[in-house]
């Protein structure tokens, strides 16, 4: 059972960790530095996060919004809910994405944290695809990882690469294109 004081220390540490990542980059996040800026003892940090990869994963997860819970019973409405949840103007999230990708190329701990975060964050999409297969909306046995890429692709390209919003009529077009791509998989 987590004690209130321990929970508070964890939240304080995560807040400072997020600030370090945004201000100085992913590689600047260390246990020593975080203890210094947050005032949370290094032993407490290690109790919450035994490895740097775990600290990075939780820090990154604290910095991005969770995907909506999908499971409306319809692939179209699930994809629509997912696309509609993409932030329209989150410069911190965009900056974090690029910092993370750059650092993951050089640092195995960052790569491990990124991979864990992506697996965790794409689980709702995985569940959505598997449910759509079970309902017969998608062909059984499709490559679920490829399906996840097809769902994420337009959102990443538009929001993170082109820095454009997904809203209004664009939402319906992205949903239609995503559904068509998913249904083309065999």
N, C-alpha and C. Protein backbone atom coordinates (compact mmCIF):
# COMPACT_ATOMS: atom_id res chain seq x y z
N UNK A 1 0.85 -1.19 0.00
CA UNK A 1 0.00 0.00 0.00
C UNK A 1 0.89 1.25 0.00
N UNK A 2 0.58 2.18 -0.91
CA UNK A 2 1.34 3.42 -1.00
C UNK A 2 0.83 4.41 0.04
N UNK A 3 1.76 4.95 0.79
CA UNK A 3 1.40 5.93 1.82
C UNK A 3 1.21 7.30 1.19
N UNK A 4 0.36 8.16 1.80
CA UNK A 4 0.11 9.48 1.23
C UNK A 4 1.38 10.29 1.02
N UNK A 5 2.31 10.23 1.98
CA UNK A 5 3.55 10.99 1.84
C UNK A 5 4.35 10.48 0.64
N UNK A 6 4.36 9.15 0.48
CA UNK A 6 5.07 8.55 -0.63
C UNK A 6 4.42 8.93 -1.97
N UNK A 7 3.09 8.97 -1.98
CA UNK A 7 2.35 9.36 -3.18
C UNK A 7 2.66 10.81 -3.53
N UNK A 8 2.71 11.66 -2.52
CA UNK A 8 3.02 13.07 -2.75
C UNK A 8 4.44 13.24 -3.30
N UNK A 9 5.39 12.51 -2.73
CA UNK A 9 6.77 12.58 -3.21
C UNK A 9 6.85 12.12 -4.66
N UNK A 10 6.12 11.09 -4.97
CA UNK A 10 6.10 10.57 -6.35
C UNK A 10 5.59 11.64 -7.32
N UNK A 11 4.49 12.29 -6.96
CA UNK A 11 3.91 13.32 -7.82
C UNK A 11 4.84 14.53 -7.96
N UNK A 12 5.47 14.91 -6.88
CA UNK A 12 6.43 16.01 -6.92
C UNK A 12 7.58 15.65 -7.85
N UNK A 13 8.10 14.45 -7.70
CA UNK A 13 9.22 14.00 -8.54
C UNK A 13 8.82 13.96 -10.00
N UNK A 14 7.63 13.44 -10.31
CA UNK A 14 7.19 13.37 -11.70
C UNK A 14 7.03 14.76 -12.31
N UNK A 15 6.51 15.69 -11.54
CA UNK A 15 6.37 17.06 -12.03
C UNK A 15 7.71 17.69 -12.38
N UNK A 16 8.67 17.49 -11.50
CA UNK A 16 10.02 18.02 -11.75
C UNK A 16 10.70 17.26 -12.90
N UNK A 17 10.47 15.97 -12.98
CA UNK A 17 11.06 15.17 -14.05
C UNK A 17 10.54 15.65 -15.41
N UNK A 18 9.26 15.93 -15.49
CA UNK A 18 8.68 16.43 -16.74
C UNK A 18 9.31 17.77 -17.13
N UNK A 19 9.50 18.64 -16.15
CA UNK A 19 10.12 19.94 -16.43
C UNK A 19 11.55 19.77 -16.93
N UNK A 20 12.29 18.86 -16.32
CA UNK A 20 13.67 18.60 -16.76
C UNK A 20 13.69 18.12 -18.20
N UNK A 21 12.81 17.18 -18.52
CA UNK A 21 12.77 16.63 -19.88
C UNK A 21 12.46 17.73 -20.90
N UNK A 22 11.47 18.57 -20.62
CA UNK A 22 11.09 19.62 -21.57
C UNK A 22 12.14 20.72 -21.67
N UNK A 23 12.80 21.04 -20.56
CA UNK A 23 13.76 22.14 -20.57
C UNK A 23 15.15 21.72 -21.03
N UNK A 24 15.56 20.51 -20.64
CA UNK A 24 16.94 20.11 -20.88
C UNK A 24 17.09 18.88 -21.77
N UNK A 25 15.99 18.19 -22.03
CA UNK A 25 16.05 17.00 -22.86
C UNK A 25 15.99 15.72 -22.03
N UNK A 26 15.70 14.64 -22.71
CA UNK A 26 15.51 13.34 -22.06
C UNK A 26 16.79 12.87 -21.38
N UNK A 27 17.92 13.08 -22.01
CA UNK A 27 19.18 12.59 -21.44
C UNK A 27 19.56 13.29 -20.14
N UNK A 28 18.97 14.47 -19.89
CA UNK A 28 19.29 15.21 -18.66
C UNK A 28 18.58 14.64 -17.43
N UNK A 29 17.63 13.75 -17.63
CA UNK A 29 16.89 13.20 -16.50
C UNK A 29 17.70 12.08 -15.85
N UNK A 30 18.23 12.38 -14.67
CA UNK A 30 18.99 11.41 -13.89
C UNK A 30 18.43 11.39 -12.48
N UNK A 31 18.69 10.31 -11.75
CA UNK A 31 18.24 10.23 -10.36
C UNK A 31 18.88 11.33 -9.52
N UNK A 32 20.17 11.56 -9.72
CA UNK A 32 20.88 12.57 -8.93
C UNK A 32 20.30 13.96 -9.19
N UNK A 33 20.15 14.29 -10.46
CA UNK A 33 19.61 15.60 -10.82
C UNK A 33 18.18 15.78 -10.35
N UNK A 34 17.38 14.72 -10.48
CA UNK A 34 15.98 14.82 -10.05
C UNK A 34 15.89 14.99 -8.54
N UNK A 35 16.72 14.30 -7.79
CA UNK A 35 16.73 14.46 -6.34
C UNK A 35 17.07 15.90 -5.98
N UNK A 36 18.03 16.46 -6.69
CA UNK A 36 18.47 17.83 -6.41
C UNK A 36 17.36 18.85 -6.70
N UNK A 37 16.71 18.75 -7.86
CA UNK A 37 15.72 19.77 -8.21
C UNK A 37 14.37 19.57 -7.54
N UNK A 38 14.04 18.32 -7.20
CA UNK A 38 12.71 18.05 -6.64
C UNK A 38 12.70 18.07 -5.12
N UNK A 39 13.87 17.86 -4.50
CA UNK A 39 13.92 17.76 -3.04
C UNK A 39 13.47 16.39 -2.54
N UNK A 40 13.22 15.45 -3.44
CA UNK A 40 12.85 14.09 -3.06
C UNK A 40 14.13 13.28 -2.94
N UNK A 41 14.27 12.57 -1.85
CA UNK A 41 15.50 11.80 -1.61
C UNK A 41 15.71 10.76 -2.71
N UNK A 42 16.97 10.57 -3.04
CA UNK A 42 17.33 9.60 -4.07
C UNK A 42 16.82 8.20 -3.71
N UNK A 43 16.87 7.86 -2.44
CA UNK A 43 16.38 6.53 -2.02
C UNK A 43 14.88 6.40 -2.28
N UNK A 44 14.15 7.48 -2.10
CA UNK A 44 12.71 7.46 -2.38
C UNK A 44 12.47 7.31 -3.88
N UNK A 45 13.27 8.00 -4.66
CA UNK A 45 13.14 7.88 -6.12
C UNK A 45 13.38 6.44 -6.55
N UNK A 46 14.42 5.83 -6.04
CA UNK A 46 14.74 4.44 -6.40
C UNK A 46 13.66 3.47 -5.90
N UNK A 47 13.01 3.80 -4.81
CA UNK A 47 11.93 2.95 -4.31
C UNK A 47 10.76 2.95 -5.30
N UNK A 48 10.50 4.11 -5.88
CA UNK A 48 9.40 4.21 -6.85
C UNK A 48 9.82 3.69 -8.23
N UNK A 49 11.06 3.94 -8.60
CA UNK A 49 11.55 3.58 -9.93
C UNK A 49 12.92 2.93 -9.80
N UNK A 50 12.97 1.61 -9.75
CA UNK A 50 14.25 0.93 -9.58
C UNK A 50 15.24 1.16 -10.73
N UNK A 51 14.73 1.52 -11.91
CA UNK A 51 15.63 1.76 -13.05
C UNK A 51 15.30 3.10 -13.70
N UNK A 52 16.25 3.61 -14.43
CA UNK A 52 16.04 4.86 -15.16
C UNK A 52 14.95 4.69 -16.21
N UNK A 53 14.91 3.52 -16.84
CA UNK A 53 13.89 3.26 -17.86
C UNK A 53 12.49 3.38 -17.27
N UNK A 54 12.30 2.87 -16.03
CA UNK A 54 10.99 2.97 -15.39
C UNK A 54 10.65 4.41 -15.03
N UNK A 55 11.66 5.16 -14.57
CA UNK A 55 11.46 6.58 -14.28
C UNK A 55 11.08 7.32 -15.56
N UNK A 56 11.80 7.06 -16.63
CA UNK A 56 11.49 7.71 -17.91
C UNK A 56 10.09 7.36 -18.39
N UNK A 57 9.74 6.07 -18.31
CA UNK A 57 8.42 5.63 -18.78
C UNK A 57 7.31 6.36 -18.02
N UNK A 58 7.42 6.40 -16.70
CA UNK A 58 6.37 7.07 -15.91
C UNK A 58 6.37 8.58 -16.14
N UNK A 59 7.54 9.15 -16.31
CA UNK A 59 7.62 10.58 -16.61
C UNK A 59 6.94 10.88 -17.93
N UNK A 60 7.27 10.11 -18.94
CA UNK A 60 6.68 10.32 -20.26
C UNK A 60 5.18 10.12 -20.22
N UNK A 61 4.74 9.07 -19.54
CA UNK A 61 3.29 8.83 -19.43
C UNK A 61 2.58 9.95 -18.70
N UNK A 62 3.27 10.59 -17.75
CA UNK A 62 2.64 11.68 -17.01
C UNK A 62 2.52 12.94 -17.88
N UNK A 63 3.23 12.96 -18.99
CA UNK A 63 3.29 14.16 -19.82
C UNK A 63 2.33 14.13 -21.01
N UNK A 64 1.74 12.98 -21.28
CA UNK A 64 0.85 12.88 -22.43
C UNK A 64 -0.52 12.41 -21.98
N UNK A 65 -1.52 12.86 -22.70
CA UNK A 65 -2.88 12.47 -22.34
C UNK A 65 -3.12 11.02 -22.72
N UNK A 66 -3.90 10.35 -21.91
CA UNK A 66 -4.25 8.97 -22.20
C UNK A 66 -5.23 8.92 -23.36
N UNK A 67 -5.17 7.81 -24.10
CA UNK A 67 -6.14 7.60 -25.15
C UNK A 67 -7.50 7.34 -24.52
N UNK A 68 -8.56 7.69 -25.23
CA UNK A 68 -9.88 7.42 -24.66
C UNK A 68 -10.12 5.91 -24.60
N UNK A 69 -11.01 5.51 -23.72
CA UNK A 69 -11.40 4.11 -23.66
C UNK A 69 -12.27 3.83 -24.88
N UNK A 70 -11.84 2.85 -25.64
CA UNK A 70 -12.57 2.50 -26.85
C UNK A 70 -13.42 1.28 -26.52
N UNK A 71 -14.34 0.93 -27.36
CA UNK A 71 -15.17 -0.23 -27.10
C UNK A 71 -16.64 0.11 -27.24
N UNK A 72 -16.94 0.91 -28.24
CA UNK A 72 -18.32 1.32 -28.46
C UNK A 72 -19.14 0.23 -29.15
N UNK A 73 -18.44 -0.79 -29.66
CA UNK A 73 -19.13 -1.84 -30.40
C UNK A 73 -19.09 -1.61 -31.88
N UNK A 74 -18.42 -0.55 -32.31
CA UNK A 74 -18.32 -0.22 -33.73
C UNK A 74 -16.92 0.29 -34.03
N UNK A 75 -16.29 -0.29 -35.04
CA UNK A 75 -14.95 0.16 -35.43
C UNK A 75 -14.98 1.64 -35.79
N UNK A 76 -15.97 2.06 -36.56
CA UNK A 76 -16.04 3.45 -36.99
C UNK A 76 -16.13 4.41 -35.80
N UNK A 77 -16.99 4.14 -34.85
CA UNK A 77 -17.12 5.07 -33.72
C UNK A 77 -15.89 5.01 -32.81
N UNK A 78 -15.26 3.83 -32.71
CA UNK A 78 -14.01 3.74 -31.94
C UNK A 78 -12.91 4.58 -32.59
N UNK A 79 -12.75 4.42 -33.90
CA UNK A 79 -11.70 5.19 -34.61
C UNK A 79 -12.02 6.68 -34.53
N UNK A 80 -13.28 7.03 -34.66
CA UNK A 80 -13.66 8.45 -34.58
C UNK A 80 -13.31 9.02 -33.21
N UNK A 81 -13.61 8.28 -32.14
CA UNK A 81 -13.29 8.74 -30.79
C UNK A 81 -11.78 8.92 -30.62
N UNK A 82 -11.03 8.01 -31.20
CA UNK A 82 -9.58 8.07 -31.10
C UNK A 82 -9.03 9.29 -31.85
N UNK A 83 -9.48 9.49 -33.07
CA UNK A 83 -9.00 10.62 -33.88
C UNK A 83 -9.42 11.94 -33.24
N UNK A 84 -10.64 11.99 -32.74
CA UNK A 84 -11.13 13.23 -32.12
C UNK A 84 -10.36 13.58 -30.85
N UNK A 85 -9.72 12.59 -30.23
CA UNK A 85 -8.97 12.83 -28.99
C UNK A 85 -7.58 13.39 -29.22
N UNK A 86 -7.13 13.46 -30.46
CA UNK A 86 -5.79 13.98 -30.74
C UNK A 86 -5.77 15.46 -30.36
N UNK A 87 -4.80 15.87 -29.54
CA UNK A 87 -4.75 17.28 -29.13
C UNK A 87 -4.57 18.19 -30.35
N UNK A 88 -5.16 19.36 -30.29
CA UNK A 88 -5.07 20.26 -31.43
C UNK A 88 -3.88 21.20 -31.35
N UNK A 89 -3.43 21.52 -30.18
CA UNK A 89 -2.36 22.51 -30.06
C UNK A 89 -1.50 22.25 -28.84
N UNK A 90 -0.82 21.14 -28.79
CA UNK A 90 -0.03 20.81 -27.61
C UNK A 90 1.45 20.82 -27.98
N UNK A 91 2.06 22.00 -27.89
CA UNK A 91 3.46 22.14 -28.27
C UNK A 91 4.38 21.33 -27.37
N UNK A 92 4.03 21.19 -26.07
CA UNK A 92 4.86 20.39 -25.17
C UNK A 92 4.87 18.92 -25.61
N UNK A 93 3.71 18.42 -26.00
CA UNK A 93 3.64 17.03 -26.45
C UNK A 93 4.44 16.84 -27.73
N UNK A 94 4.35 17.79 -28.62
CA UNK A 94 5.14 17.72 -29.87
C UNK A 94 6.63 17.75 -29.55
N UNK A 95 7.04 18.66 -28.70
CA UNK A 95 8.45 18.76 -28.33
C UNK A 95 8.91 17.47 -27.66
N UNK A 96 8.09 16.94 -26.78
CA UNK A 96 8.43 15.69 -26.12
C UNK A 96 8.62 14.56 -27.12
N UNK A 97 7.76 14.47 -28.10
CA UNK A 97 7.85 13.42 -29.11
C UNK A 97 9.22 13.47 -29.80
N UNK A 98 9.63 14.63 -30.24
CA UNK A 98 10.90 14.73 -30.95
C UNK A 98 12.10 14.53 -30.03
N UNK A 99 12.02 15.04 -28.81
CA UNK A 99 13.09 14.79 -27.85
C UNK A 99 13.25 13.30 -27.58
N UNK A 100 12.12 12.63 -27.44
CA UNK A 100 12.12 11.20 -27.14
C UNK A 100 12.68 10.39 -28.31
N UNK A 101 12.26 10.69 -29.50
CA UNK A 101 12.75 9.94 -30.67
C UNK A 101 14.26 10.13 -30.84
N UNK A 102 14.71 11.35 -30.67
CA UNK A 102 16.15 11.63 -30.82
C UNK A 102 16.96 10.91 -29.75
N UNK A 103 16.50 10.98 -28.50
CA UNK A 103 17.24 10.36 -27.41
C UNK A 103 17.20 8.84 -27.50
N UNK A 104 16.11 8.27 -27.99
CA UNK A 104 15.98 6.81 -28.10
C UNK A 104 16.98 6.23 -29.10
N UNK A 105 17.43 7.03 -30.03
CA UNK A 105 18.41 6.56 -31.01
C UNK A 105 19.78 6.36 -30.37
N UNK A 106 20.04 7.06 -29.27
CA UNK A 106 21.36 7.01 -28.64
C UNK A 106 21.41 6.25 -27.32
N UNK A 107 20.28 6.13 -26.64
CA UNK A 107 20.30 5.64 -25.27
C UNK A 107 19.36 4.44 -25.12
N UNK A 108 19.91 3.26 -24.81
CA UNK A 108 19.07 2.07 -24.66
C UNK A 108 17.99 2.21 -23.57
N UNK A 109 18.28 2.92 -22.50
CA UNK A 109 17.28 3.11 -21.44
C UNK A 109 16.11 3.93 -21.95
N UNK A 110 16.41 4.94 -22.75
CA UNK A 110 15.34 5.76 -23.33
C UNK A 110 14.55 4.93 -24.34
N UNK A 111 15.23 4.15 -25.14
CA UNK A 111 14.55 3.28 -26.10
C UNK A 111 13.61 2.31 -25.37
N UNK A 112 14.09 1.74 -24.26
CA UNK A 112 13.27 0.83 -23.47
C UNK A 112 12.04 1.55 -22.92
N UNK A 113 12.24 2.76 -22.41
CA UNK A 113 11.12 3.54 -21.88
C UNK A 113 10.14 3.91 -22.99
N UNK A 114 10.68 4.30 -24.13
CA UNK A 114 9.81 4.65 -25.27
C UNK A 114 8.99 3.44 -25.71
N UNK A 115 9.65 2.28 -25.83
CA UNK A 115 8.95 1.07 -26.27
C UNK A 115 7.86 0.68 -25.28
N UNK A 116 8.15 0.78 -23.99
CA UNK A 116 7.15 0.44 -22.97
C UNK A 116 5.98 1.42 -23.03
N UNK A 117 6.30 2.69 -23.21
CA UNK A 117 5.24 3.69 -23.28
C UNK A 117 4.37 3.47 -24.51
N UNK A 118 4.99 3.19 -25.65
CA UNK A 118 4.23 2.96 -26.88
C UNK A 118 3.35 1.72 -26.73
N UNK A 119 3.90 0.66 -26.16
CA UNK A 119 3.10 -0.56 -25.97
C UNK A 119 1.90 -0.28 -25.08
N UNK A 120 2.13 0.47 -24.01
CA UNK A 120 1.05 0.80 -23.08
C UNK A 120 0.01 1.70 -23.73
N UNK A 121 0.48 2.71 -24.45
CA UNK A 121 -0.43 3.68 -25.05
C UNK A 121 -1.18 3.13 -26.26
N UNK A 122 -0.63 2.12 -26.93
CA UNK A 122 -1.33 1.56 -28.08
C UNK A 122 -2.22 0.38 -27.71
N UNK A 123 -2.20 -0.02 -26.45
CA UNK A 123 -3.05 -1.15 -26.05
C UNK A 123 -4.52 -0.92 -26.36
N UNK A 124 -5.07 0.29 -26.13
CA UNK A 124 -6.47 0.50 -26.50
C UNK A 124 -6.72 0.30 -28.01
N UNK A 125 -5.74 0.66 -28.84
CA UNK A 125 -5.90 0.45 -30.28
C UNK A 125 -5.84 -1.05 -30.59
N UNK A 126 -4.92 -1.74 -29.95
CA UNK A 126 -4.82 -3.20 -30.12
C UNK A 126 -6.14 -3.86 -29.74
N UNK A 127 -6.69 -3.46 -28.59
CA UNK A 127 -7.97 -4.02 -28.14
C UNK A 127 -9.08 -3.70 -29.14
N UNK A 128 -9.08 -2.47 -29.68
CA UNK A 128 -10.08 -2.06 -30.65
C UNK A 128 -10.01 -2.93 -31.91
N UNK A 129 -8.79 -3.14 -32.42
CA UNK A 129 -8.60 -3.94 -33.63
C UNK A 129 -9.03 -5.39 -33.38
N UNK A 130 -8.62 -5.94 -32.26
CA UNK A 130 -8.99 -7.33 -31.95
C UNK A 130 -10.49 -7.49 -31.78
N UNK A 131 -11.15 -6.50 -31.18
CA UNK A 131 -12.61 -6.55 -31.03
C UNK A 131 -13.29 -6.45 -32.39
N UNK A 132 -12.76 -5.60 -33.27
CA UNK A 132 -13.33 -5.47 -34.61
C UNK A 132 -13.15 -6.76 -35.41
N UNK A 133 -12.04 -7.46 -35.21
CA UNK A 133 -11.86 -8.77 -35.86
C UNK A 133 -12.89 -9.76 -35.31
N UNK A 134 -13.08 -9.76 -34.01
CA UNK A 134 -14.03 -10.69 -33.39
C UNK A 134 -15.47 -10.42 -33.87
N UNK A 135 -15.80 -9.17 -34.14
CA UNK A 135 -17.14 -8.82 -34.63
C UNK A 135 -17.28 -9.03 -36.13
N UNK A 136 -16.16 -9.31 -36.82
CA UNK A 136 -16.21 -9.50 -38.26
C UNK A 136 -16.07 -8.21 -39.06
N UNK A 137 -15.76 -7.09 -38.39
CA UNK A 137 -15.58 -5.83 -39.11
C UNK A 137 -14.22 -5.77 -39.81
N UNK A 138 -13.27 -6.55 -39.33
CA UNK A 138 -11.95 -6.68 -39.95
C UNK A 138 -11.69 -8.16 -40.16
N UNK A 139 -10.88 -8.47 -41.16
CA UNK A 139 -10.53 -9.86 -41.44
C UNK A 139 -9.80 -10.46 -40.24
N UNK A 140 -10.17 -11.68 -39.91
CA UNK A 140 -9.51 -12.39 -38.82
C UNK A 140 -8.06 -12.66 -39.20
N UNK A 141 -7.18 -12.56 -38.23
CA UNK A 141 -5.78 -12.90 -38.46
C UNK A 141 -4.94 -11.83 -39.11
N UNK A 142 -5.45 -10.60 -39.20
CA UNK A 142 -4.62 -9.55 -39.79
C UNK A 142 -3.45 -9.25 -38.85
N UNK A 143 -2.44 -8.61 -39.39
CA UNK A 143 -1.28 -8.21 -38.60
C UNK A 143 -1.71 -7.02 -37.72
N UNK A 144 -1.90 -7.27 -36.44
CA UNK A 144 -2.42 -6.26 -35.53
C UNK A 144 -1.45 -5.09 -35.39
N UNK A 145 -0.15 -5.37 -35.39
CA UNK A 145 0.82 -4.28 -35.29
C UNK A 145 0.75 -3.36 -36.51
N UNK A 146 0.57 -3.94 -37.70
CA UNK A 146 0.40 -3.12 -38.90
C UNK A 146 -0.89 -2.31 -38.80
N UNK A 147 -1.95 -2.93 -38.28
CA UNK A 147 -3.21 -2.20 -38.11
C UNK A 147 -3.03 -1.01 -37.16
N UNK A 148 -2.28 -1.21 -36.10
CA UNK A 148 -2.01 -0.11 -35.16
C UNK A 148 -1.27 1.01 -35.89
N UNK A 149 -0.29 0.65 -36.71
CA UNK A 149 0.45 1.66 -37.47
C UNK A 149 -0.48 2.44 -38.40
N UNK A 150 -1.43 1.73 -39.03
CA UNK A 150 -2.36 2.40 -39.94
C UNK A 150 -3.29 3.35 -39.20
N UNK A 151 -3.66 3.00 -37.98
CA UNK A 151 -4.51 3.89 -37.18
C UNK A 151 -3.71 5.11 -36.73
N UNK A 152 -2.49 4.87 -36.26
CA UNK A 152 -1.68 5.97 -35.72
C UNK A 152 -1.09 6.87 -36.80
N UNK A 153 -0.82 6.32 -37.97
CA UNK A 153 -0.12 7.06 -39.02
C UNK A 153 -0.68 8.43 -39.34
N UNK A 154 -1.96 8.51 -39.68
CA UNK A 154 -2.50 9.84 -40.02
C UNK A 154 -2.43 10.82 -38.86
N UNK A 155 -2.64 10.32 -37.64
CA UNK A 155 -2.61 11.21 -36.48
C UNK A 155 -1.20 11.73 -36.23
N UNK A 156 -0.21 10.85 -36.31
CA UNK A 156 1.18 11.26 -36.10
C UNK A 156 1.62 12.21 -37.20
N UNK A 157 1.31 11.86 -38.46
CA UNK A 157 1.72 12.70 -39.58
C UNK A 157 1.12 14.10 -39.48
N UNK A 158 -0.15 14.16 -39.20
CA UNK A 158 -0.82 15.46 -39.19
C UNK A 158 -0.49 16.27 -37.94
N UNK A 159 -0.55 15.64 -36.79
CA UNK A 159 -0.37 16.37 -35.53
C UNK A 159 1.10 16.66 -35.22
N UNK A 160 1.96 15.64 -35.36
CA UNK A 160 3.34 15.81 -34.92
C UNK A 160 4.30 16.24 -36.03
N UNK A 161 4.08 15.78 -37.23
CA UNK A 161 5.01 16.10 -38.30
C UNK A 161 4.62 17.38 -39.02
N UNK A 162 3.36 17.47 -39.42
CA UNK A 162 2.92 18.65 -40.17
C UNK A 162 2.41 19.77 -39.29
N UNK A 163 2.22 19.49 -37.99
CA UNK A 163 1.77 20.47 -37.00
C UNK A 163 0.40 21.07 -37.36
N UNK A 164 -0.47 20.21 -37.88
CA UNK A 164 -1.81 20.62 -38.25
C UNK A 164 -2.83 19.93 -37.35
N UNK A 165 -3.95 20.58 -37.12
CA UNK A 165 -4.98 19.94 -36.28
C UNK A 165 -5.76 18.88 -37.06
N UNK A 166 -6.36 17.99 -36.33
CA UNK A 166 -7.34 17.06 -36.91
C UNK A 166 -8.67 17.48 -36.31
N UNK A 167 -9.46 18.18 -37.11
CA UNK A 167 -10.74 18.67 -36.60
C UNK A 167 -11.70 18.85 -37.77
N UNK A 168 -12.95 19.02 -37.44
CA UNK A 168 -13.98 19.28 -38.44
C UNK A 168 -14.06 18.19 -39.48
N UNK A 169 -14.17 18.61 -40.74
CA UNK A 169 -14.32 17.68 -41.86
C UNK A 169 -13.10 16.76 -42.00
N UNK A 170 -11.95 17.24 -41.58
CA UNK A 170 -10.73 16.42 -41.66
C UNK A 170 -10.90 15.17 -40.80
N UNK A 171 -11.55 15.29 -39.65
CA UNK A 171 -11.75 14.13 -38.78
C UNK A 171 -12.47 13.02 -39.52
N UNK A 172 -13.56 13.36 -40.20
CA UNK A 172 -14.32 12.34 -40.94
C UNK A 172 -13.49 11.74 -42.07
N UNK A 173 -12.70 12.56 -42.74
CA UNK A 173 -11.86 12.05 -43.83
C UNK A 173 -10.79 11.10 -43.30
N UNK A 174 -10.18 11.46 -42.16
CA UNK A 174 -9.16 10.60 -41.56
C UNK A 174 -9.79 9.29 -41.11
N UNK A 175 -10.97 9.36 -40.51
CA UNK A 175 -11.66 8.14 -40.07
C UNK A 175 -11.98 7.26 -41.27
N UNK A 176 -12.54 7.85 -42.33
CA UNK A 176 -12.88 7.06 -43.53
C UNK A 176 -11.64 6.40 -44.12
N UNK A 177 -10.55 7.14 -44.24
CA UNK A 177 -9.32 6.59 -44.81
C UNK A 177 -8.74 5.49 -43.92
N UNK A 178 -8.81 5.69 -42.62
CA UNK A 178 -8.29 4.69 -41.68
C UNK A 178 -9.10 3.40 -41.75
N UNK A 179 -10.41 3.53 -41.77
CA UNK A 179 -11.28 2.35 -41.88
C UNK A 179 -11.01 1.61 -43.18
N UNK A 180 -10.89 2.34 -44.28
CA UNK A 180 -10.62 1.70 -45.58
C UNK A 180 -9.29 0.96 -45.55
N UNK A 181 -8.27 1.59 -44.95
CA UNK A 181 -6.96 0.93 -44.87
C UNK A 181 -7.02 -0.33 -44.01
N UNK A 182 -7.71 -0.25 -42.89
CA UNK A 182 -7.83 -1.41 -42.01
C UNK A 182 -8.59 -2.55 -42.70
N UNK A 183 -9.65 -2.20 -43.40
CA UNK A 183 -10.46 -3.23 -44.05
C UNK A 183 -9.77 -3.83 -45.26
N UNK A 184 -8.73 -3.17 -45.76
CA UNK A 184 -7.99 -3.73 -46.89
C UNK A 184 -6.98 -4.79 -46.46
N UNK A 185 -6.69 -4.85 -45.17
CA UNK A 185 -5.72 -5.83 -44.66
C UNK A 185 -6.32 -7.24 -44.77
N UNK A 186 -5.47 -8.17 -45.10
CA UNK A 186 -5.91 -9.59 -45.20
C UNK A 186 -4.97 -10.44 -44.39
